[in-house]
Amino acid sequence: MSTIAPNAAGKARKPVLSDRAKEERKLGWMLAGPAFVVMVLVTMWPILNAIWLSLFQYRLTDPAGRKFVGLNNYVTALTDNLFWKAMGITVAITVITLVFELVLGFIIALVMNKIVIPRRTLRTVVLIPYAIITVVSAFSWKYAAQFDTGFINHWLHTLSFGAFDLNYNWFGGTWSSLAIICLSEIWKTTPFMSLLLLAGLAQIDGAMEEAAVVDGATWWQKMRRVVLPNMKASIMVATLFRTLDAFRIYDNPYVMTGGANDTMTLSMLVANETISRVEIGMGACLAVILFLCVLGIAALFVKGFNVDLAGGRN
């Protein structure tokens, strides 16, 4: 618990933590401190090494030609159209999948929270797509979307009473390819969102919802005034984790298109530069940019939601 007292000028002072809050914070650091130290020690060297390598023009097949170029790799990357195309595709996949997964995940969480009798069975069934390996899922959706062997065209052709082209090539254009990539991502990771949101729903006091109903609140008013504000922490965690995961997407577009039709993502661009072209300097530069983007997204989410994750309060 913390209090904010105004000063003489009428401005709010820095929050004053109570003794209990200080003890909880101390206990939190004691419990998480060892894991945090180990994580820093394990991850700091690769991060620093990548930053150092990004300052060199370094091709793995020509180690003797290694040359310090400073920030030249960053200038080259940020002025390259291929980089911005990959950035645009990555952002598009992230936004589209996040919106659909958040809405569908919330609906599934509401259903699982209300159903009592087959609750365990329902949760197990919902988790099946998330349990499938991403590469296996990607190959399955690629096969399903093929115009000669897949069943998606046949289903759409039947449902549209023959209006949909039976030989439509989903992987023949940018947006149709992205549609299948996003569809496979939504199908696989929506269960992850639903479970995180279900945890938030389970923490809402039923008495608050009952009081809202007694006061004459509609379903939408109850959702907007009672449910969603009390789920702010779980929504933030769910959207943050999923956004960071979607922004680093690699498996699905690699399996389905290999980057063709302008569907290359930032992670694929990093892999191409580092592995295919063995350009270690440029690959490290792109990896650092990707890391900074992920770090910036995380900071924006935490700052924007303004949630106390320790107590689940604003």
Protein backbone atom coordinates (compact mmCIF):
# COMPACT_ATOMS: atom_id res chain seq x y z
CA MET A 1 0.00 0.00 0.00
CA SER A 2 1.35 3.44 -0.86
CA THR A 3 0.06 6.96 -0.26
CA ILE A 4 0.61 10.17 -2.22
CA ALA A 5 0.65 13.34 -0.16
CA PRO A 6 0.51 16.82 -1.79
CA ASN A 7 3.30 19.25 -0.98
CA ALA A 8 2.96 22.93 -0.12
CA ALA A 9 2.69 23.92 -3.77
CA GLY A 10 -0.21 21.52 -4.26
CA LYS A 11 1.77 19.09 -6.40
CA ALA A 12 1.73 15.36 -5.71
CA ARG A 13 4.84 14.07 -4.01
CA LYS A 14 6.57 10.80 -4.71
CA PRO A 15 4.49 7.83 -3.39
CA VAL A 16 5.45 6.82 0.14
CA LEU A 17 5.65 3.06 0.64
CA SER A 18 4.28 1.53 3.79
CA ASP A 19 6.36 -0.85 5.91
CA ARG A 20 4.41 -3.80 4.53
CA ALA A 21 5.01 -2.72 0.93
CA LYS A 22 8.72 -2.33 1.66
CA GLU A 23 8.88 -5.83 3.15
CA GLU A 24 7.02 -7.28 0.15
CA ARG A 25 9.42 -5.54 -2.24
CA LYS A 26 12.41 -6.80 -0.26
CA LEU A 27 11.03 -10.35 -0.29
CA GLY A 28 10.42 -10.10 -4.02
CA TRP A 29 14.03 -9.13 -4.69
CA MET A 30 15.27 -11.92 -2.42
CA LEU A 31 13.20 -14.51 -4.31
CA ALA A 32 13.81 -13.22 -7.84
CA GLY A 33 17.34 -11.90 -7.27
CA PRO A 34 19.31 -15.15 -7.77
CA ALA A 35 17.42 -16.02 -10.98
CA PHE A 36 17.85 -12.45 -12.22
CA VAL A 37 21.62 -12.54 -11.62
CA VAL A 38 21.99 -15.88 -13.40
CA MET A 39 19.89 -14.64 -16.33
CA VAL A 40 22.00 -11.48 -16.64
CA LEU A 41 25.25 -13.46 -16.55
CA VAL A 42 24.01 -15.90 -19.18
CA THR A 43 22.53 -13.33 -21.57
CA MET A 44 24.82 -10.33 -21.12
CA TRP A 45 27.84 -11.78 -22.95
CA PRO A 46 25.93 -12.72 -26.15
CA ILE A 47 24.26 -9.30 -26.18
CA LEU A 48 27.51 -7.40 -25.70
CA ASN A 49 29.27 -9.64 -28.24
CA ALA A 50 26.53 -9.01 -30.82
CA ILE A 51 26.81 -5.25 -30.27
CA TRP A 52 30.59 -5.46 -30.69
CA LEU A 53 30.37 -7.56 -33.87
CA SER A 54 27.80 -5.16 -35.34
CA LEU A 55 30.52 -2.51 -35.48
CA PHE A 56 32.59 -4.56 -37.93
CA GLN A 57 32.44 -5.45 -41.59
CA TYR A 58 32.99 -9.14 -41.03
CA ARG A 59 32.32 -12.02 -43.40
CA LEU A 60 32.81 -15.50 -41.94
CA THR A 61 34.45 -16.79 -45.13
CA ASP A 62 37.02 -13.97 -44.98
CA PRO A 63 38.10 -13.63 -41.33
CA ALA A 64 41.29 -11.82 -42.34
CA GLY A 65 39.24 -9.07 -43.98
CA ARG A 66 37.52 -8.09 -40.75
CA LYS A 67 37.31 -4.30 -40.61
CA PHE A 68 35.98 -1.87 -38.01
CA VAL A 69 33.31 0.34 -39.60
CA GLY A 70 31.60 1.83 -36.53
CA LEU A 71 27.91 2.57 -37.09
CA ASN A 72 28.12 2.09 -40.85
CA ASN A 73 26.21 -1.22 -40.68
CA TYR A 74 23.35 0.51 -38.89
CA VAL A 75 23.25 3.30 -41.47
CA THR A 76 23.22 0.73 -44.28
CA ALA A 77 20.45 -1.30 -42.65
CA LEU A 78 18.22 1.67 -41.82
CA THR A 79 18.51 3.08 -45.36
CA ASP A 80 17.80 -0.22 -47.10
CA ASN A 81 14.31 -0.78 -48.56
CA LEU A 82 14.54 -4.51 -47.80
CA PHE A 83 14.85 -3.76 -44.08
CA TRP A 84 11.78 -1.51 -44.04
CA LYS A 85 9.76 -4.02 -46.06
CA ALA A 86 10.64 -6.68 -43.51
CA MET A 87 9.76 -4.26 -40.72
CA GLY A 88 6.39 -3.51 -42.32
CA ILE A 89 5.57 -7.20 -42.77
CA THR A 90 6.59 -7.93 -39.17
CA VAL A 91 4.44 -5.11 -37.79
CA ALA A 92 1.48 -6.15 -39.96
CA ILE A 93 1.63 -9.77 -38.77
CA THR A 94 2.03 -8.63 -35.16
CA VAL A 95 -0.92 -6.22 -35.19
CA ILE A 96 -3.30 -8.51 -37.10
CA THR A 97 -2.60 -11.61 -35.02
CA LEU A 98 -2.63 -9.72 -31.71
CA VAL A 99 -6.04 -8.12 -32.35
CA PHE A 100 -7.71 -11.37 -33.39
CA GLU A 101 -6.04 -13.43 -30.66
CA LEU A 102 -7.01 -10.92 -27.96
CA VAL A 103 -10.67 -10.87 -29.01
CA LEU A 104 -10.98 -14.62 -29.60
CA GLY A 105 -8.93 -15.42 -26.50
CA PHE A 106 -11.20 -13.25 -24.36
CA ILE A 107 -14.33 -14.94 -25.76
CA ILE A 108 -12.88 -18.41 -25.11
CA ALA A 109 -11.82 -17.34 -21.60
CA LEU A 110 -15.36 -16.15 -20.85
CA VAL A 111 -16.77 -19.49 -22.00
CA MET A 112 -14.26 -21.52 -19.99
CA ASN A 113 -14.90 -19.35 -16.92
CA LYS A 114 -18.68 -19.94 -17.05
CA ILE A 115 -18.75 -23.66 -17.91
CA VAL A 116 -18.49 -25.78 -14.75
CA ILE A 117 -19.10 -29.46 -15.55
CA PRO A 118 -16.63 -30.29 -18.40
CA ARG A 119 -14.21 -27.49 -17.44
CA ARG A 120 -11.02 -29.59 -17.37
CA THR A 121 -11.89 -31.37 -20.61
CA LEU A 122 -12.67 -28.07 -22.34
CA ARG A 123 -9.38 -26.50 -21.25
CA THR A 124 -7.47 -29.56 -22.45
CA VAL A 125 -9.15 -29.46 -25.86
CA VAL A 126 -8.53 -25.72 -26.21
CA LEU A 127 -4.81 -26.23 -25.51
CA ILE A 128 -4.29 -28.80 -28.29
CA PRO A 129 -3.28 -26.28 -31.01
CA TYR A 130 -0.81 -24.59 -28.67
CA ALA A 131 0.78 -27.96 -27.84
CA ILE A 132 1.62 -28.64 -31.50
CA ILE A 133 5.15 -27.76 -32.59
CA THR A 134 5.15 -24.56 -34.66
CA VAL A 135 6.96 -26.10 -37.63
CA VAL A 136 4.48 -29.00 -37.74
CA SER A 137 1.59 -26.54 -37.56
CA ALA A 138 3.11 -24.44 -40.35
CA PHE A 139 3.52 -27.43 -42.67
CA SER A 140 -0.06 -28.51 -41.94
CA TRP A 141 -1.47 -25.10 -42.84
CA LYS A 142 0.75 -24.90 -45.92
CA TYR A 143 -0.62 -28.23 -47.09
CA ALA A 144 -4.19 -27.17 -46.32
CA ALA A 145 -3.81 -23.97 -48.37
CA GLN A 146 -2.33 -25.60 -51.48
CA PHE A 147 -4.65 -25.18 -54.45
CA ASP A 148 -4.06 -28.74 -55.69
CA THR A 149 -3.88 -30.78 -52.47
CA GLY A 150 -5.41 -28.59 -49.75
CA PHE A 151 -8.96 -28.53 -48.44
CA ILE A 152 -9.36 -24.79 -47.77
CA ASN A 153 -10.25 -24.01 -51.38
CA HIS A 154 -12.70 -26.91 -51.48
CA TRP A 155 -14.42 -25.71 -48.31
CA LEU A 156 -14.65 -22.11 -49.50
CA HIS A 157 -15.83 -23.27 -52.93
CA THR A 158 -18.60 -25.31 -51.32
CA LEU A 159 -19.64 -22.65 -48.79
CA SER A 160 -19.80 -19.98 -51.50
CA PHE A 161 -21.89 -22.25 -53.78
CA GLY A 162 -19.16 -22.30 -56.40
CA ALA A 163 -18.34 -18.56 -56.35
CA PHE A 164 -14.86 -19.07 -54.87
CA ASP A 165 -12.19 -20.17 -57.34
CA LEU A 166 -11.28 -23.79 -56.68
CA ASN A 167 -7.75 -23.21 -58.03
CA TYR A 168 -7.01 -20.03 -56.09
CA ASN A 169 -3.30 -19.84 -55.19
CA TRP A 170 -2.97 -18.50 -51.65
CA PHE A 171 0.80 -18.30 -51.96
CA GLY A 172 0.72 -16.37 -55.22
CA GLY A 173 0.57 -12.90 -53.65
CA THR A 174 1.73 -10.96 -50.62
CA TRP A 175 -1.57 -10.40 -48.82
CA SER A 176 -2.99 -13.85 -49.52
CA SER A 177 0.23 -15.40 -48.20
CA LEU A 178 0.06 -13.19 -45.11
CA ALA A 179 -3.56 -14.24 -44.60
CA ILE A 180 -2.57 -17.91 -44.28
CA ILE A 181 0.45 -17.06 -42.11
CA CYS A 182 -1.70 -14.96 -39.76
CA LEU A 183 -4.46 -17.58 -39.74
CA SER A 184 -2.02 -20.29 -38.67
CA GLU A 185 -0.59 -18.03 -35.95
CA ILE A 186 -4.04 -17.15 -34.65
CA TRP A 187 -5.12 -20.81 -34.61
CA LYS A 188 -2.05 -21.89 -32.69
CA THR A 189 -1.53 -19.13 -30.13
CA THR A 190 -5.08 -18.05 -29.26
CA PRO A 191 -5.20 -20.76 -26.54
CA PHE A 192 -2.18 -19.12 -24.90
CA MET A 193 -4.02 -15.81 -24.77
CA SER A 194 -7.20 -17.43 -23.47
CA LEU A 195 -5.40 -19.10 -20.57
CA LEU A 196 -3.72 -15.86 -19.47
CA LEU A 197 -7.03 -13.99 -19.71
CA LEU A 198 -8.81 -16.80 -17.88
CA ALA A 199 -6.39 -16.30 -14.99
CA GLY A 200 -7.44 -12.65 -14.87
CA LEU A 201 -11.13 -13.54 -14.94
CA ALA A 202 -10.67 -16.00 -12.08
CA GLN A 203 -9.29 -13.21 -9.86
CA ILE A 204 -12.38 -10.97 -10.21
CA ASP A 205 -14.58 -10.97 -7.12
CA GLY A 206 -17.99 -12.38 -8.01
CA ALA A 207 -19.62 -10.01 -5.53
CA MET A 208 -18.57 -7.05 -7.66
CA GLU A 209 -20.31 -8.50 -10.73
CA GLU A 210 -23.42 -9.32 -8.70
CA ALA A 211 -23.49 -5.77 -7.33
CA ALA A 212 -23.27 -4.38 -10.86
CA VAL A 213 -26.20 -6.56 -11.97
CA VAL A 214 -28.25 -5.46 -8.95
CA ASP A 215 -27.54 -1.84 -9.83
CA GLY A 216 -29.05 -2.46 -13.26
CA ALA A 217 -25.86 -2.57 -15.31
CA THR A 218 -26.08 -4.14 -18.77
CA TRP A 219 -23.70 -6.87 -19.89
CA TRP A 220 -21.54 -4.36 -21.76
CA GLN A 221 -21.50 -1.93 -18.81
CA LYS A 222 -20.45 -4.76 -16.50
CA MET A 223 -17.65 -5.70 -18.89
CA ARG A 224 -16.47 -2.09 -19.29
CA ARG A 225 -16.80 -0.93 -15.67
CA VAL A 226 -16.07 -4.09 -13.67
CA VAL A 227 -14.46 -6.94 -15.63
CA LEU A 228 -11.98 -5.18 -17.92
CA PRO A 229 -10.57 -2.74 -15.31
CA ASN A 230 -9.90 -5.64 -12.93
CA MET A 231 -8.25 -7.63 -15.74
CA LYS A 232 -5.83 -4.86 -16.64
CA ALA A 233 -2.78 -6.73 -15.33
CA SER A 234 -3.59 -10.00 -17.08
CA ILE A 235 -4.44 -8.21 -20.34
CA MET A 236 -1.11 -6.38 -20.20
CA VAL A 237 0.84 -9.59 -19.57
CA ALA A 238 -1.02 -11.47 -22.33
CA THR A 239 -0.61 -8.74 -24.95
CA LEU A 240 3.00 -8.07 -23.99
CA PHE A 241 4.08 -11.71 -24.21
CA ARG A 242 2.19 -12.30 -27.43
CA THR A 243 3.42 -9.08 -29.08
CA LEU A 244 7.05 -9.88 -28.29
CA ASP A 245 6.59 -13.42 -29.60
CA ALA A 246 4.81 -12.28 -32.79
CA PHE A 247 7.38 -9.58 -33.49
CA ARG A 248 10.10 -12.26 -33.58
CA ILE A 249 8.10 -14.57 -35.88
CA TYR A 250 10.24 -16.82 -38.04
CA ASP A 251 8.91 -20.40 -38.33
CA ASN A 252 5.59 -19.87 -40.12
CA PRO A 253 6.73 -17.51 -42.91
CA TYR A 254 9.93 -19.50 -43.41
CA VAL A 255 8.05 -22.79 -43.87
CA MET A 256 5.19 -21.38 -45.93
CA THR A 257 6.85 -18.88 -48.26
CA GLY A 258 10.57 -18.77 -47.45
CA GLY A 259 10.27 -14.98 -47.67
CA ALA A 260 8.85 -14.97 -51.21
CA ASN A 261 6.17 -12.48 -52.28
CA ASP A 262 7.57 -9.84 -49.92
CA THR A 263 6.75 -11.88 -46.80
CA MET A 264 10.19 -11.76 -45.22
CA THR A 265 10.17 -10.79 -41.53
CA LEU A 266 12.93 -9.18 -39.48
CA SER A 267 13.95 -12.51 -37.93
CA MET A 268 14.20 -14.07 -41.40
CA LEU A 269 16.32 -11.14 -42.57
CA VAL A 270 18.68 -11.65 -39.61
CA ALA A 271 18.96 -15.37 -40.38
CA ASN A 272 19.58 -14.74 -44.08
CA GLU A 273 22.37 -12.27 -43.42
CA THR A 274 24.01 -14.37 -40.70
CA ILE A 275 23.56 -17.92 -41.99
CA SER A 276 22.95 -17.75 -45.74
CA ARG A 277 25.29 -14.87 -46.58
CA VAL A 278 27.58 -15.39 -43.54
CA GLU A 279 27.71 -11.61 -43.08
CA ILE A 280 28.35 -11.70 -39.34
CA GLY A 281 28.68 -7.94 -38.92
CA MET A 282 25.46 -7.04 -40.72
CA GLY A 283 23.62 -9.99 -39.17
CA ALA A 284 24.67 -8.87 -35.69
CA CYS A 285 23.59 -5.32 -36.54
CA LEU A 286 20.10 -6.49 -37.57
CA ALA A 287 19.88 -8.69 -34.48
CA VAL A 288 20.70 -5.69 -32.26
CA ILE A 289 18.04 -3.60 -34.02
CA LEU A 290 15.51 -6.40 -33.50
CA PHE A 291 16.50 -6.61 -29.83
CA LEU A 292 16.08 -2.84 -29.40
CA CYS A 293 12.65 -2.99 -31.05
CA VAL A 294 11.55 -5.75 -28.68
CA LEU A 295 12.95 -3.82 -25.72
CA GLY A 296 11.12 -0.68 -26.83
CA ILE A 297 7.83 -2.55 -27.25
CA ALA A 298 8.14 -4.02 -23.75
CA ALA A 299 8.86 -0.58 -22.26
CA LEU A 300 5.88 1.00 -24.08
CA PHE A 301 3.52 -1.72 -22.88
CA VAL A 302 4.63 -1.51 -19.25
CA LYS A 303 4.51 2.30 -19.29
CA GLY A 304 1.27 2.52 -21.24
CA PHE A 305 -0.72 0.07 -19.12
CA ASN A 306 0.72 1.49 -15.88
CA VAL A 307 0.00 -1.73 -13.99
CA ASP A 308 1.41 -2.85 -10.66
CA LEU A 309 2.13 -6.47 -11.56
CA ALA A 310 3.07 -7.35 -8.00
CA GLY A 311 -0.31 -6.45 -6.66
CA GLY A 312 -2.38 -6.44 -9.82
CA ARG A 313 -3.38 -2.82 -9.14
CA ASN A 314 -3.14 0.38 -11.14
